[in-house]
Amino acid sequence: MERKIITYGNYFRSFLKTLCENVRWKLDYVLDMLKTQKRLNSRFVKPIREGIFELRIEWEGDIYRVFFIFDEGNIIVLFNGFQKKTRRTPTSEIEKAITIKKEYYEYKRKQN
């Protein structure tokens, strides 16, 4: 089994540009697991709400999160990412992901 991973908008790409090489390597590693494994440990993936999940990456004490959804079964759509600096995931980041998800489905609807 191999899932397809795509991005929507420039949100994820913009986030990726802010990361150092080692964090990008770790992110690629976790994305490869997401592509190929049926289930991932909650250490790497956690459901948030409204069908949005967070991909969890930690590197040398720094914590990073990338929001994503599953679409059409095996396609994973990556949205915004951020460096987590507080114990709880900021509500503003969750709300941003929900907004992007709505934009994505509206865009997809217009394409069909």
Protein backbone atom coordinates (compact mmCIF):
# COMPACT_ATOMS: atom_id res chain seq x y z
CA MET A 1 0.00 0.00 0.00
CA GLU A 2 1.23 3.47 -0.85
CA ARG A 3 -0.77 6.62 -0.32
CA LYS A 4 -0.32 9.68 -2.48
CA ILE A 5 0.64 12.90 -0.69
CA ILE A 6 -0.17 16.29 -2.18
CA THR A 7 -0.19 19.83 -0.85
CA TYR A 8 -2.82 22.51 -1.20
CA GLY A 9 -1.84 26.13 -1.74
CA ASN A 10 1.57 27.34 -0.63
CA TYR A 11 0.98 26.85 3.08
CA PHE A 12 3.07 23.72 3.48
CA ARG A 13 5.79 24.84 1.06
CA SER A 14 6.15 28.14 2.92
CA PHE A 15 6.48 26.27 6.21
CA LEU A 16 9.03 23.86 4.69
CA LYS A 17 11.28 26.77 3.69
CA THR A 18 11.59 27.81 7.36
CA LEU A 19 12.97 24.43 8.46
CA CYS A 20 16.60 23.45 8.77
CA GLU A 21 17.89 20.49 6.79
CA ASN A 22 17.73 18.05 9.73
CA VAL A 23 14.09 18.88 10.51
CA ARG A 24 13.21 18.50 6.81
CA TRP A 25 14.91 15.10 6.83
CA LYS A 26 12.87 14.01 9.86
CA LEU A 27 9.68 15.34 8.25
CA ASP A 28 10.42 13.37 5.07
CA TYR A 29 10.98 10.26 7.19
CA VAL A 30 7.58 10.63 8.91
CA LEU A 31 5.86 11.42 5.59
CA ASP A 32 7.33 8.23 4.11
CA MET A 33 5.84 6.28 7.01
CA LEU A 34 2.49 7.98 6.42
CA LYS A 35 2.66 6.97 2.76
CA THR A 36 3.43 3.33 3.35
CA GLN A 37 2.05 2.23 6.73
CA LYS A 38 -1.58 1.47 7.38
CA ARG A 39 -1.50 2.94 10.90
CA LEU A 40 0.96 5.23 12.62
CA ASN A 41 1.58 5.50 16.32
CA SER A 42 0.04 8.52 18.07
CA ARG A 43 3.61 9.69 18.56
CA PHE A 44 3.52 10.67 14.85
CA VAL A 45 -0.16 11.26 13.99
CA LYS A 46 -3.01 12.55 16.11
CA PRO A 47 -6.60 13.39 15.14
CA ILE A 48 -7.47 17.02 15.92
CA ARG A 49 -11.07 17.70 14.85
CA GLU A 50 -13.38 17.90 11.83
CA GLY A 51 -11.33 15.29 9.95
CA ILE A 52 -8.06 17.15 10.42
CA PHE A 53 -5.00 15.35 11.73
CA GLU A 54 -1.63 16.60 12.85
CA LEU A 55 1.65 15.08 11.78
CA ARG A 56 4.01 15.26 14.73
CA ILE A 57 7.75 15.82 14.39
CA GLU A 58 10.29 16.39 17.09
CA TRP A 59 13.92 17.28 16.55
CA GLU A 60 16.41 18.07 19.31
CA GLY A 61 13.72 19.25 21.70
CA ASP A 62 11.88 21.37 19.13
CA ILE A 63 8.35 20.31 18.21
CA TYR A 64 6.76 20.80 14.78
CA ARG A 65 3.26 20.09 13.54
CA VAL A 66 1.75 19.80 10.05
CA PHE A 67 -2.01 19.58 9.58
CA PHE A 68 -3.44 17.25 6.96
CA ILE A 69 -6.58 15.43 5.84
CA PHE A 70 -7.24 12.15 4.10
CA ASP A 71 -9.05 12.60 0.81
CA GLU A 72 -10.37 9.97 -1.60
CA GLY A 73 -9.12 7.12 0.52
CA ASN A 74 -5.38 7.16 0.06
CA ILE A 75 -4.60 10.76 -0.84
CA ILE A 76 -3.23 12.86 1.96
CA VAL A 77 -3.47 16.62 1.58
CA LEU A 78 -0.95 18.65 3.57
CA PHE A 79 -1.95 22.08 4.86
CA ASN A 80 -0.24 24.48 7.23
CA GLY A 81 2.63 23.69 9.55
CA PHE A 82 4.17 25.45 12.52
CA GLN A 83 6.71 25.12 15.31
CA LYS A 84 4.91 24.32 18.52
CA LYS A 85 6.07 26.45 21.43
CA THR A 86 3.31 25.78 23.94
CA ARG A 87 1.97 22.65 25.59
CA ARG A 88 -1.36 22.80 23.74
CA THR A 89 -1.83 23.14 20.01
CA PRO A 90 -2.79 26.80 19.44
CA THR A 91 -6.46 27.23 18.59
CA SER A 92 -5.51 29.79 15.93
CA GLU A 93 -3.48 27.12 14.07
CA ILE A 94 -6.37 24.64 14.26
CA GLU A 95 -8.80 27.27 12.98
CA LYS A 96 -6.41 28.09 10.15
CA ALA A 97 -6.31 24.41 9.16
CA ILE A 98 -10.13 24.22 9.21
CA THR A 99 -10.31 27.29 6.97
CA ILE A 100 -7.77 25.81 4.55
CA LYS A 101 -9.72 22.55 4.49
CA LYS A 102 -12.88 24.44 3.49
CA GLU A 103 -10.94 26.32 0.80
CA TYR A 104 -9.54 23.02 -0.49
CA TYR A 105 -12.95 21.36 -0.82
CA GLU A 106 -14.42 24.48 -2.47
CA TYR A 107 -11.52 24.53 -4.94
CA LYS A 108 -11.95 20.81 -5.60
CA ARG A 109 -15.71 21.22 -6.11
CA LYS A 110 -15.12 23.97 -8.69
CA GLN A 111 -12.64 21.76 -10.55
CA ASN A 112 -15.27 19.04 -11.09
